[in-house]
N, C-alpha and C. Protein backbone atom coordinates (compact mmCIF):
# COMPACT_ATOMS: atom_id res chain seq x y z
N UNK A 1 112.75 -4.81 -40.90
CA UNK A 1 112.00 -5.34 -39.39
C UNK A 1 110.96 -3.90 -39.47
N UNK A 2 111.54 -2.76 -39.86
CA UNK A 2 111.38 -1.29 -39.35
C UNK A 2 110.04 -1.39 -40.36
N UNK A 3 110.22 -1.85 -41.82
CA UNK A 3 109.01 -1.89 -42.83
C UNK A 3 108.05 -2.60 -42.33
N UNK A 4 108.45 -3.65 -42.01
CA UNK A 4 106.79 -4.46 -41.38
C UNK A 4 106.28 -3.78 -40.15
N UNK A 5 107.28 -3.52 -39.34
CA UNK A 5 106.36 -2.81 -38.20
C UNK A 5 105.63 -1.72 -38.62
N UNK A 6 105.93 -0.80 -39.40
CA UNK A 6 105.00 0.58 -39.68
C UNK A 6 104.11 -0.21 -40.77
N UNK A 7 104.06 -1.32 -41.46
CA UNK A 7 102.96 -1.70 -42.21
C UNK A 7 102.13 -2.34 -41.22
N UNK A 8 102.37 -2.86 -40.45
CA UNK A 8 101.66 -3.27 -39.23
C UNK A 8 100.87 -2.44 -38.57
N UNK A 9 101.25 -1.36 -38.06
CA UNK A 9 100.80 -0.33 -37.78
C UNK A 9 99.75 0.67 -38.71
N UNK A 10 100.13 0.74 -39.92
CA UNK A 10 99.30 1.01 -40.90
C UNK A 10 97.99 0.75 -40.76
N UNK A 11 98.29 -0.95 -41.14
CA UNK A 11 97.06 -2.05 -41.39
C UNK A 11 96.13 -1.94 -39.89
N UNK A 12 96.66 -1.62 -38.65
CA UNK A 12 96.01 -1.61 -37.70
C UNK A 12 95.25 -0.58 -37.45
N UNK A 13 95.61 0.78 -38.00
CA UNK A 13 94.92 1.93 -38.03
C UNK A 13 93.82 2.18 -39.03
N UNK A 14 94.21 1.06 -40.09
CA UNK A 14 93.21 1.30 -41.13
C UNK A 14 91.66 0.26 -41.03
N UNK A 15 91.97 -0.80 -40.30
CA UNK A 15 91.01 -1.96 -39.86
C UNK A 15 89.84 -1.40 -39.42
N UNK A 16 89.76 0.05 -38.48
CA UNK A 16 88.54 0.20 -38.18
C UNK A 16 87.81 1.36 -39.21
N UNK A 17 88.48 1.50 -39.94
CA UNK A 17 87.93 2.48 -41.05
C UNK A 17 87.15 1.24 -42.26
N UNK A 18 88.03 0.41 -42.43
CA UNK A 18 87.58 -0.58 -43.37
C UNK A 18 86.48 -1.41 -42.96
N UNK A 19 86.00 -1.75 -41.72
CA UNK A 19 85.27 -2.15 -40.79
C UNK A 19 84.29 -1.44 -40.67
N UNK A 20 84.27 -0.15 -40.54
CA UNK A 20 83.02 0.74 -40.44
C UNK A 20 82.28 0.89 -41.86
N UNK A 21 83.23 0.90 -42.98
CA UNK A 21 82.56 1.48 -44.52
C UNK A 21 81.68 -0.10 -44.54
N UNK A 22 82.21 -1.38 -44.11
CA UNK A 22 81.30 -2.62 -44.46
C UNK A 22 80.34 -2.72 -43.63
N UNK A 23 80.03 -1.87 -42.57
CA UNK A 23 78.78 -1.86 -41.14
C UNK A 23 77.62 -1.09 -41.85
N UNK A 24 77.71 -0.29 -42.91
CA UNK A 24 76.79 0.13 -43.11
C UNK A 24 75.52 -0.41 -43.58
N UNK A 25 74.23 -0.63 -43.14
CA UNK A 25 73.10 -1.19 -42.81
C UNK A 25 72.02 -0.80 -44.19
N UNK A 26 71.91 -1.48 -44.97
CA UNK A 26 71.20 -0.59 -46.07
C UNK A 26 69.75 -0.43 -45.58
N UNK A 27 69.12 0.75 -45.87
CA UNK A 27 67.63 0.48 -45.57
C UNK A 27 66.73 0.22 -46.57
N UNK A 28 65.74 -1.07 -46.05
CA UNK A 28 64.97 -1.56 -47.00
C UNK A 28 63.37 -1.03 -46.21
N UNK A 29 62.76 -0.84 -47.49
CA UNK A 29 61.43 -0.88 -47.29
C UNK A 29 60.44 -1.97 -47.65
N UNK A 30 59.57 -2.43 -46.93
CA UNK A 30 58.80 -3.61 -47.47
C UNK A 30 57.34 -3.54 -46.66
N UNK A 31 56.69 -4.01 -47.69
CA UNK A 31 55.20 -4.33 -47.07
C UNK A 31 54.74 -5.51 -47.64
N UNK A 32 53.09 -5.50 -47.32
CA UNK A 32 52.26 -6.22 -47.93
C UNK A 32 51.48 -5.25 -48.33
N UNK A 33 50.46 -5.12 -49.84
CA UNK A 33 49.55 -4.51 -50.00
C UNK A 33 48.76 -5.18 -50.80
N UNK A 34 47.06 -4.80 -50.53
CA UNK A 34 46.13 -5.48 -51.11
C UNK A 34 46.13 -4.73 -52.76
N UNK A 35 46.58 -3.57 -53.29
CA UNK A 35 46.20 -3.04 -54.56
C UNK A 35 47.45 -2.19 -54.36
N UNK A 36 47.74 -1.76 -55.67
CA UNK A 36 48.44 -0.46 -56.13
C UNK A 36 48.14 0.79 -55.65
N UNK A 37 47.08 1.26 -55.16
CA UNK A 37 46.65 2.44 -54.68
C UNK A 37 46.95 2.72 -53.18
N UNK A 38 46.90 0.91 -52.59
CA UNK A 38 47.12 1.17 -51.07
C UNK A 38 48.68 1.03 -50.69
N UNK A 39 49.23 0.23 -51.83
CA UNK A 39 50.91 0.75 -51.81
C UNK A 39 51.11 2.18 -51.91
N UNK A 40 50.63 2.64 -52.89
CA UNK A 40 51.27 4.16 -53.30
C UNK A 40 51.01 5.24 -52.20
N UNK A 41 49.73 4.79 -51.60
CA UNK A 41 49.40 5.61 -50.13
C UNK A 41 50.44 5.51 -48.86
N UNK A 42 51.18 4.19 -49.23
CA UNK A 42 51.67 3.69 -47.82
C UNK A 42 53.36 4.36 -48.08
N UNK A 43 53.60 4.20 -49.60
CA UNK A 43 55.01 4.52 -50.03
C UNK A 43 55.40 5.90 -50.40
N UNK A 44 54.57 6.26 -51.30
CA UNK A 44 54.54 7.29 -51.94
C UNK A 44 55.27 7.08 -53.17
N UNK A 45 55.20 5.76 -53.77
CA UNK A 45 56.20 5.32 -54.94
C UNK A 45 55.09 4.63 -55.93
N UNK A 46 54.26 5.50 -56.64
CA UNK A 46 53.75 4.78 -57.44
C UNK A 46 54.20 4.01 -58.66
N UNK A 47 55.13 4.25 -59.03
CA UNK A 47 55.97 3.51 -59.99
C UNK A 47 56.45 2.11 -59.55
N UNK A 48 57.07 2.14 -58.58
CA UNK A 48 57.40 0.81 -57.68
C UNK A 48 56.49 0.07 -57.24
N UNK A 49 55.14 0.59 -57.01
CA UNK A 49 54.12 -0.32 -56.61
C UNK A 49 53.51 -1.20 -57.84
N UNK A 50 53.57 -0.40 -58.84
CA UNK A 50 53.08 -0.99 -60.36
C UNK A 50 54.07 -1.94 -60.55
N UNK A 51 55.01 -1.75 -60.92
CA UNK A 51 56.32 -2.82 -61.20
C UNK A 51 56.15 -3.94 -60.16
N UNK A 52 56.17 -3.63 -59.10
CA UNK A 52 56.06 -4.64 -57.97
C UNK A 52 54.65 -5.79 -58.14
N UNK A 53 53.76 -5.05 -58.52
CA UNK A 53 52.19 -5.66 -58.66
C UNK A 53 52.32 -6.36 -60.12
N UNK A 54 52.77 -5.71 -60.72
CA UNK A 54 52.86 -6.38 -62.32
C UNK A 54 53.68 -7.59 -62.20
N UNK A 55 54.85 -7.60 -61.77
CA UNK A 55 55.93 -8.61 -61.39
C UNK A 55 55.42 -10.03 -60.19
N UNK A 56 54.48 -9.26 -59.65
CA UNK A 56 53.67 -10.52 -58.40
C UNK A 56 52.65 -11.07 -59.16
N UNK A 57 52.02 -10.55 -60.22
CA UNK A 57 50.73 -10.87 -61.17
C UNK A 57 51.26 -12.15 -62.06
N UNK A 58 52.54 -11.62 -62.17
CA UNK A 58 53.16 -12.43 -63.59
C UNK A 58 53.57 -13.80 -62.83
N UNK A 59 54.20 -13.73 -61.52
CA UNK A 59 54.70 -14.90 -61.02
C UNK A 59 53.69 -15.70 -60.28
N UNK A 60 52.47 -14.99 -59.83
CA UNK A 60 51.47 -15.76 -59.09
C UNK A 60 50.95 -16.98 -59.74
N UNK A 61 50.78 -17.46 -61.06
CA UNK A 61 50.14 -18.91 -61.08
C UNK A 61 51.62 -19.75 -61.31
N UNK A 62 52.78 -19.16 -61.49
CA UNK A 62 53.71 -20.34 -61.45
C UNK A 62 54.38 -20.47 -59.67
N UNK A 63 53.95 -19.79 -58.76
CA UNK A 63 54.62 -19.67 -57.54
C UNK A 63 53.16 -19.81 -56.71
N UNK A 64 51.95 -20.23 -57.03
CA UNK A 64 50.96 -19.89 -56.07
C UNK A 64 50.74 -21.71 -55.40
N UNK A 65 50.39 -21.34 -54.14
CA UNK A 65 50.42 -23.14 -53.56
C UNK A 65 49.25 -23.83 -54.66
N UNK A 66 49.47 -25.45 -54.66
CA UNK A 66 49.38 -26.06 -55.67
C UNK A 66 48.43 -26.96 -55.41
N UNK A 67 47.42 -27.61 -55.58
CA UNK A 67 46.46 -28.23 -55.14
C UNK A 67 45.76 -29.41 -56.20
N UNK A 68 45.48 -30.57 -55.61
CA UNK A 68 45.36 -31.70 -57.03
C UNK A 68 43.65 -31.44 -57.20
N UNK A 69 42.84 -31.03 -56.27
CA UNK A 69 41.37 -30.86 -56.30
C UNK A 69 41.16 -29.58 -55.38
N UNK A 70 39.99 -28.95 -56.06
CA UNK A 70 39.60 -27.93 -55.55
C UNK A 70 38.93 -28.13 -53.82
N UNK A 71 38.44 -29.33 -53.76
CA UNK A 71 38.30 -29.35 -52.08
C UNK A 71 39.22 -29.33 -51.27
N UNK A 72 40.86 -29.80 -51.98
CA UNK A 72 41.84 -30.06 -50.89
C UNK A 72 42.21 -28.33 -50.80
N UNK A 73 41.92 -27.62 -51.87
CA UNK A 73 42.35 -26.19 -51.76
C UNK A 73 41.74 -25.10 -50.85
N UNK A 74 40.33 -25.52 -50.85
CA UNK A 74 39.16 -25.19 -49.92
C UNK A 74 39.57 -25.19 -48.43
N UNK A 75 40.07 -26.67 -48.05
CA UNK A 75 40.33 -26.49 -46.62
C UNK A 75 41.59 -25.76 -45.92
N UNK A 76 42.34 -24.90 -46.89
CA UNK A 76 43.18 -23.62 -46.80
C UNK A 76 42.86 -22.47 -47.25
N UNK A 77 41.95 -22.53 -48.30
CA UNK A 77 41.72 -21.15 -48.74
C UNK A 77 40.39 -21.11 -49.23
N UNK A 78 39.43 -20.05 -48.97
CA UNK A 78 38.08 -19.99 -49.00
C UNK A 78 37.66 -20.32 -50.45
N UNK A 79 36.46 -20.82 -50.61
CA UNK A 79 36.10 -21.49 -52.01
C UNK A 79 36.05 -20.44 -53.04
N UNK A 80 35.81 -19.20 -53.09
CA UNK A 80 35.90 -18.03 -53.96
C UNK A 80 37.32 -17.95 -54.05
N UNK A 81 38.43 -18.09 -53.44
CA UNK A 81 39.53 -17.83 -53.89
C UNK A 81 40.40 -19.34 -54.39
N UNK A 82 39.52 -20.46 -54.80
CA UNK A 82 40.08 -21.54 -55.35
C UNK A 82 39.99 -21.56 -56.51
N UNK A 83 40.74 -21.60 -57.70
CA UNK A 83 40.34 -21.39 -59.21
C UNK A 83 41.44 -22.73 -59.92
N UNK A 84 40.74 -22.90 -60.60
CA UNK A 84 41.85 -24.04 -61.59
C UNK A 84 42.62 -22.77 -62.04
N UNK A 85 44.24 -22.86 -62.60
CA UNK A 85 44.98 -22.12 -63.04
C UNK A 85 45.95 -22.88 -64.15
N UNK A 86 46.77 -22.26 -65.04
CA UNK A 86 47.60 -22.41 -65.48
C UNK A 86 49.22 -21.66 -65.57
N UNK A 87 49.85 -22.53 -65.25
CA UNK A 87 51.36 -22.08 -64.96
C UNK A 87 51.83 -21.52 -66.66
N UNK A 88 52.89 -20.87 -66.37
CA UNK A 88 53.72 -20.50 -67.67
C UNK A 88 53.72 -21.30 -68.66
N UNK A 89 54.03 -22.65 -68.32
CA UNK A 89 54.32 -23.76 -68.78
C UNK A 89 53.37 -24.52 -69.81
N UNK A 90 51.98 -23.99 -68.96
CA UNK A 90 50.73 -24.47 -69.43
C UNK A 90 50.02 -25.52 -68.79
N UNK A 91 50.93 -25.83 -67.62
CA UNK A 91 50.33 -27.01 -66.75
C UNK A 91 48.97 -26.75 -65.79
N UNK A 92 47.89 -27.37 -65.55
CA UNK A 92 46.88 -26.76 -64.93
C UNK A 92 46.97 -27.30 -63.32
N UNK A 93 46.57 -26.60 -62.32
CA UNK A 93 46.31 -26.90 -61.24
C UNK A 93 45.41 -26.31 -60.35
N UNK A 94 44.78 -26.48 -59.35
CA UNK A 94 43.80 -25.68 -58.51
C UNK A 94 44.64 -25.11 -57.63
N UNK A 95 44.49 -23.72 -57.24
CA UNK A 95 45.24 -22.91 -56.39
C UNK A 95 44.37 -21.52 -55.80
N UNK A 96 44.79 -20.75 -54.95
CA UNK A 96 44.02 -19.65 -54.52
C UNK A 96 44.38 -18.65 -55.66
N UNK A 97 43.81 -17.78 -55.54
CA UNK A 97 43.70 -16.56 -56.46
C UNK A 97 44.84 -15.47 -55.81
N UNK A 98 45.81 -14.49 -56.30
CA UNK A 98 46.42 -13.53 -55.91
C UNK A 98 45.56 -12.70 -55.20
N UNK A 99 45.77 -12.37 -53.86
CA UNK A 99 44.95 -11.34 -52.93
C UNK A 99 45.99 -10.32 -52.62
N UNK A 100 46.94 -10.05 -53.03
CA UNK A 100 47.76 -9.12 -52.71
C UNK A 100 49.01 -9.14 -52.89
N UNK A 101 50.42 -8.27 -52.80
CA UNK A 101 51.63 -8.67 -53.23
C UNK A 101 52.62 -7.88 -51.99
N UNK A 102 53.93 -8.78 -52.02
CA UNK A 102 54.68 -8.31 -51.14
C UNK A 102 55.73 -7.69 -51.95
N UNK A 103 56.07 -6.31 -51.08
CA UNK A 103 57.22 -5.45 -51.97
C UNK A 103 58.29 -5.04 -50.96
N UNK A 104 59.39 -5.36 -51.50
CA UNK A 104 60.69 -5.00 -51.15
C UNK A 104 61.76 -3.90 -51.54
N UNK A 105 61.86 -2.88 -51.17
CA UNK A 105 62.93 -1.61 -52.09
C UNK A 105 63.85 -1.15 -51.08
N UNK A 106 64.98 -1.23 -51.87
CA UNK A 106 66.38 -0.87 -50.96
C UNK A 106 65.82 0.63 -51.12
N UNK A 107 66.17 1.28 -49.85
CA UNK A 107 66.03 2.87 -49.95
C UNK A 107 67.13 3.97 -50.58
N UNK A 108 67.17 4.65 -51.04
CA UNK A 108 68.09 5.72 -51.40
C UNK A 108 68.96 4.91 -52.46
N UNK A 109 68.57 4.13 -53.05
CA UNK A 109 69.02 3.28 -54.21
C UNK A 109 68.31 3.79 -55.18
N UNK A 110 67.66 4.91 -55.64
CA UNK A 110 66.77 5.28 -57.12
C UNK A 110 65.83 4.08 -57.47
N UNK A 111 65.38 3.14 -56.68
CA UNK A 111 64.83 2.10 -56.76
C UNK A 111 64.88 0.72 -57.31
N UNK A 112 66.53 0.66 -57.15
CA UNK A 112 67.29 -0.62 -57.63
C UNK A 112 66.88 -1.35 -56.40
N UNK A 113 66.87 -3.02 -56.52
CA UNK A 113 67.13 -3.71 -55.63
C UNK A 113 65.46 -3.90 -55.05
N UNK A 114 64.51 -3.56 -56.26
CA UNK A 114 63.03 -3.99 -55.95
C UNK A 114 62.57 -5.68 -56.17
N UNK A 115 62.01 -6.03 -55.06
CA UNK A 115 61.75 -7.43 -55.27
C UNK A 115 60.44 -7.42 -54.91
N UNK A 116 59.30 -8.22 -55.44
CA UNK A 116 57.98 -8.34 -55.31
C UNK A 116 57.77 -9.97 -55.21
N UNK A 117 56.52 -10.25 -54.97
CA UNK A 117 56.02 -11.76 -55.06
C UNK A 117 54.74 -11.38 -54.43
N UNK A 118 53.82 -12.39 -55.00
CA UNK A 118 52.49 -12.67 -54.82
C UNK A 118 52.15 -13.13 -53.24
N UNK A 119 50.98 -12.71 -52.56
CA UNK A 119 50.97 -13.04 -51.60
C UNK A 119 49.39 -13.58 -51.70
N UNK A 120 48.93 -14.52 -50.66
CA UNK A 120 47.61 -15.18 -50.71
C UNK A 120 47.32 -15.25 -49.30
N UNK A 121 46.03 -15.13 -49.12
CA UNK A 121 45.21 -15.12 -48.03
C UNK A 121 44.27 -16.45 -47.76
N UNK A 122 44.93 -16.72 -46.63
CA UNK A 122 44.34 -17.93 -46.15
C UNK A 122 42.59 -18.03 -45.63
N UNK A 123 41.91 -18.96 -45.39
CA UNK A 123 40.68 -19.13 -44.48
C UNK A 123 40.68 -18.49 -43.35
N UNK A 124 41.99 -18.56 -42.51
CA UNK A 124 41.93 -17.85 -41.02
C UNK A 124 42.16 -16.47 -41.53
N UNK A 125 42.60 -15.70 -42.64
CA UNK A 125 43.09 -14.32 -43.02
C UNK A 125 44.40 -14.02 -42.65
N UNK A 126 45.17 -15.62 -42.61
CA UNK A 126 46.60 -15.03 -42.40
C UNK A 126 47.00 -15.10 -44.17
N UNK A 127 48.31 -14.26 -44.35
CA UNK A 127 49.12 -14.10 -45.49
C UNK A 127 50.04 -15.11 -45.54
N UNK A 128 50.45 -15.43 -46.88
CA UNK A 128 51.56 -16.49 -47.01
C UNK A 128 52.10 -15.66 -48.46
N UNK A 129 53.41 -16.17 -48.81
CA UNK A 129 53.93 -15.66 -49.75
C UNK A 129 55.05 -16.80 -50.47
N UNK A 130 55.47 -17.02 -51.75
CA UNK A 130 56.50 -17.72 -51.92
C UNK A 130 57.46 -18.04 -51.03
N UNK A 131 58.28 -19.13 -50.64
CA UNK A 131 59.61 -19.27 -50.12
C UNK A 131 60.49 -19.46 -50.91
N UNK A 132 61.14 -18.57 -51.63
CA UNK A 132 61.89 -18.88 -52.38
C UNK A 132 63.37 -19.95 -51.75
N UNK A 133 63.42 -20.39 -50.74
CA UNK A 133 64.75 -21.35 -50.41
C UNK A 133 63.91 -22.63 -50.41
N UNK A 134 62.62 -22.89 -51.13
CA UNK A 134 62.00 -24.27 -50.86
C UNK A 134 61.70 -24.48 -52.42
N UNK A 135 62.17 -25.45 -52.97
CA UNK A 135 61.60 -25.99 -54.23
C UNK A 135 60.17 -25.92 -54.48
N UNK A 136 59.83 -25.61 -55.70
CA UNK A 136 58.41 -25.61 -56.03
C UNK A 136 58.11 -27.10 -56.60
N UNK A 137 59.32 -28.17 -56.65
CA UNK A 137 58.65 -29.17 -56.97
C UNK A 137 58.63 -29.57 -58.61
N UNK A 138 58.75 -28.55 -59.36
CA UNK A 138 58.05 -29.27 -60.69
C UNK A 138 57.08 -28.75 -60.93
N UNK A 139 56.69 -28.26 -62.63
CA UNK A 139 55.48 -28.11 -62.97
C UNK A 139 53.99 -28.50 -62.53
N UNK A 140 54.12 -29.91 -62.20
CA UNK A 140 52.89 -30.64 -61.84
C UNK A 140 52.83 -31.01 -60.26
N UNK A 141 53.77 -30.80 -59.54
CA UNK A 141 53.88 -31.20 -58.11
C UNK A 141 52.86 -30.52 -57.57
N UNK A 142 51.84 -30.60 -56.35
CA UNK A 142 50.84 -30.10 -55.80
C UNK A 142 51.31 -30.28 -54.73
N UNK A 143 52.31 -29.36 -53.99
CA UNK A 143 52.95 -28.97 -52.74
C UNK A 143 51.81 -28.01 -51.79
N UNK A 144 50.64 -27.34 -52.36
CA UNK A 144 50.15 -26.99 -51.20
C UNK A 144 50.87 -25.92 -50.64
N UNK A 145 50.30 -25.64 -49.34
CA UNK A 145 51.06 -24.07 -48.79
C UNK A 145 52.80 -24.63 -48.34
N UNK A 146 53.14 -26.13 -48.54
CA UNK A 146 54.72 -26.50 -48.19
C UNK A 146 55.64 -25.73 -48.70
N UNK A 147 55.63 -25.13 -49.86
CA UNK A 147 56.28 -24.12 -50.74
C UNK A 147 56.19 -22.51 -50.33
N UNK A 148 55.22 -22.44 -49.28
CA UNK A 148 54.76 -20.95 -49.08
C UNK A 148 55.59 -20.62 -47.48
N UNK A 149 55.65 -19.61 -47.41
CA UNK A 149 56.24 -18.96 -45.68
C UNK A 149 55.17 -17.72 -45.38
N UNK A 150 55.19 -18.01 -44.13
CA UNK A 150 53.89 -16.84 -43.60
C UNK A 150 54.56 -15.47 -43.74
N UNK A 151 53.69 -14.60 -43.76
CA UNK A 151 53.80 -12.88 -43.85
C UNK A 151 53.37 -12.21 -42.69
N UNK A 152 54.47 -11.63 -42.06
CA UNK A 152 54.07 -11.21 -40.43
C UNK A 152 53.65 -9.83 -40.82
N UNK A 153 54.02 -9.01 -41.92
CA UNK A 153 53.67 -7.86 -42.24
C UNK A 153 52.16 -7.39 -42.23
N UNK A 154 51.71 -6.46 -41.36
CA UNK A 154 50.25 -6.19 -41.55
C UNK A 154 50.03 -5.38 -43.11
N UNK A 155 48.94 -5.65 -43.46
CA UNK A 155 48.71 -5.30 -45.09
C UNK A 155 48.22 -3.56 -45.03
N UNK A 156 49.25 -3.24 -46.09
CA UNK A 156 49.04 -1.99 -46.51
C UNK A 156 49.27 -0.54 -45.66
N UNK A 157 51.06 -1.27 -45.13
CA UNK A 157 51.66 -0.60 -44.36
C UNK A 157 53.09 -0.85 -44.67
N UNK A 158 53.68 0.31 -44.99
CA UNK A 158 55.62 0.26 -45.30
C UNK A 158 56.13 0.24 -43.89
N UNK A 159 56.99 -0.83 -44.10
CA UNK A 159 57.96 -0.90 -42.99
C UNK A 159 59.32 -0.87 -43.43
N UNK A 160 60.15 -0.11 -42.62
CA UNK A 160 61.22 0.22 -42.96
C UNK A 160 62.22 -0.46 -41.99
N UNK A 161 63.30 -1.09 -42.34
CA UNK A 161 64.39 -1.80 -41.78
C UNK A 161 65.58 -1.73 -42.29
N UNK A 162 66.49 -2.02 -41.52
CA UNK A 162 68.10 -1.73 -41.62
C UNK A 162 68.30 -3.37 -41.87
N UNK A 163 69.37 -3.52 -43.11
CA UNK A 163 69.75 -5.15 -43.17
C UNK A 163 71.08 -4.85 -43.45
N UNK A 164 71.73 -6.27 -43.26
CA UNK A 164 73.44 -6.27 -43.55
C UNK A 164 74.30 -5.89 -42.80
N UNK A 165 75.41 -5.67 -43.21
CA UNK A 165 76.60 -5.35 -42.29
C UNK A 165 76.99 -5.82 -41.29
N UNK A 166 78.12 -5.83 -40.56
CA UNK A 166 78.81 -6.58 -39.43
C UNK A 166 77.86 -6.56 -38.53
N UNK A 167 77.25 -5.45 -38.05
CA UNK A 167 76.81 -5.43 -36.93
C UNK A 167 75.68 -5.91 -36.73
N UNK A 168 75.19 -6.16 -35.56
CA UNK A 168 74.00 -6.79 -34.94
C UNK A 168 72.67 -5.73 -34.87
N UNK A 169 72.80 -4.59 -35.00
CA UNK A 169 72.05 -3.60 -34.62
C UNK A 169 70.63 -3.95 -36.34
N UNK A 170 69.73 -3.73 -35.73
CA UNK A 170 68.46 -3.51 -36.36
C UNK A 170 67.45 -2.64 -36.28
N UNK A 171 66.83 -2.11 -36.98
CA UNK A 171 65.74 -0.89 -36.57
C UNK A 171 64.57 -1.06 -37.70
N UNK A 172 63.82 -0.33 -37.10
CA UNK A 172 62.32 -0.62 -37.88
C UNK A 172 61.45 0.86 -37.61
N UNK A 173 60.69 1.11 -38.47
CA UNK A 173 59.76 2.49 -38.86
C UNK A 173 58.82 1.73 -39.52
N UNK A 174 57.74 2.37 -39.18
CA UNK A 174 56.20 1.89 -39.98
C UNK A 174 55.39 3.17 -40.23
N UNK A 175 54.49 2.86 -41.36
CA UNK A 175 53.78 4.26 -41.46
C UNK A 175 52.22 3.42 -42.16
N UNK A 176 51.07 4.30 -41.73
CA UNK A 176 50.17 3.40 -42.18
C UNK A 176 49.64 4.01 -43.25
N UNK A 177 48.86 3.06 -44.30
CA UNK A 177 49.16 3.40 -45.62
C UNK A 177 47.61 3.93 -45.80
N UNK A 178 46.43 3.79 -45.08
CA UNK A 178 45.22 4.41 -45.31
C UNK A 178 43.96 3.57 -44.57
């Protein structure tokens, strides 16, 4: 009986330490950028900006909104942005050109956790990016903006946010990129 009581007391004493270790919220820097240079001015990390741009550009045709005709595309995007494109599997579609890229990077992790996505600017100058929670519906599906999610970030600004952990706290900082 004495041993189980001691064990219980030890576990009760250790619980706050274990929970506080898990609640550390990693800081993430994210932003919407119209060029590698604008990203570099906002973040100071040219290698990460170039890598994010390259990844977004490679994914652009596979993740762009797809339309059956140029006229359908022009209803949501300006005429100069709607062009015929090919996916990495060789399927043709009409869709907007990539107008920028979204980059998210964990800070204090030596560049690990870098994610990027192409960003597309619609007729009303709003921004969208691929929504990874929605399926793209195959290589020939004409989904339009259904597989996109709006980007609320202001272009060419880095925003630092805390994410994760058990707490409900969240914080943010931003900087203008120029």
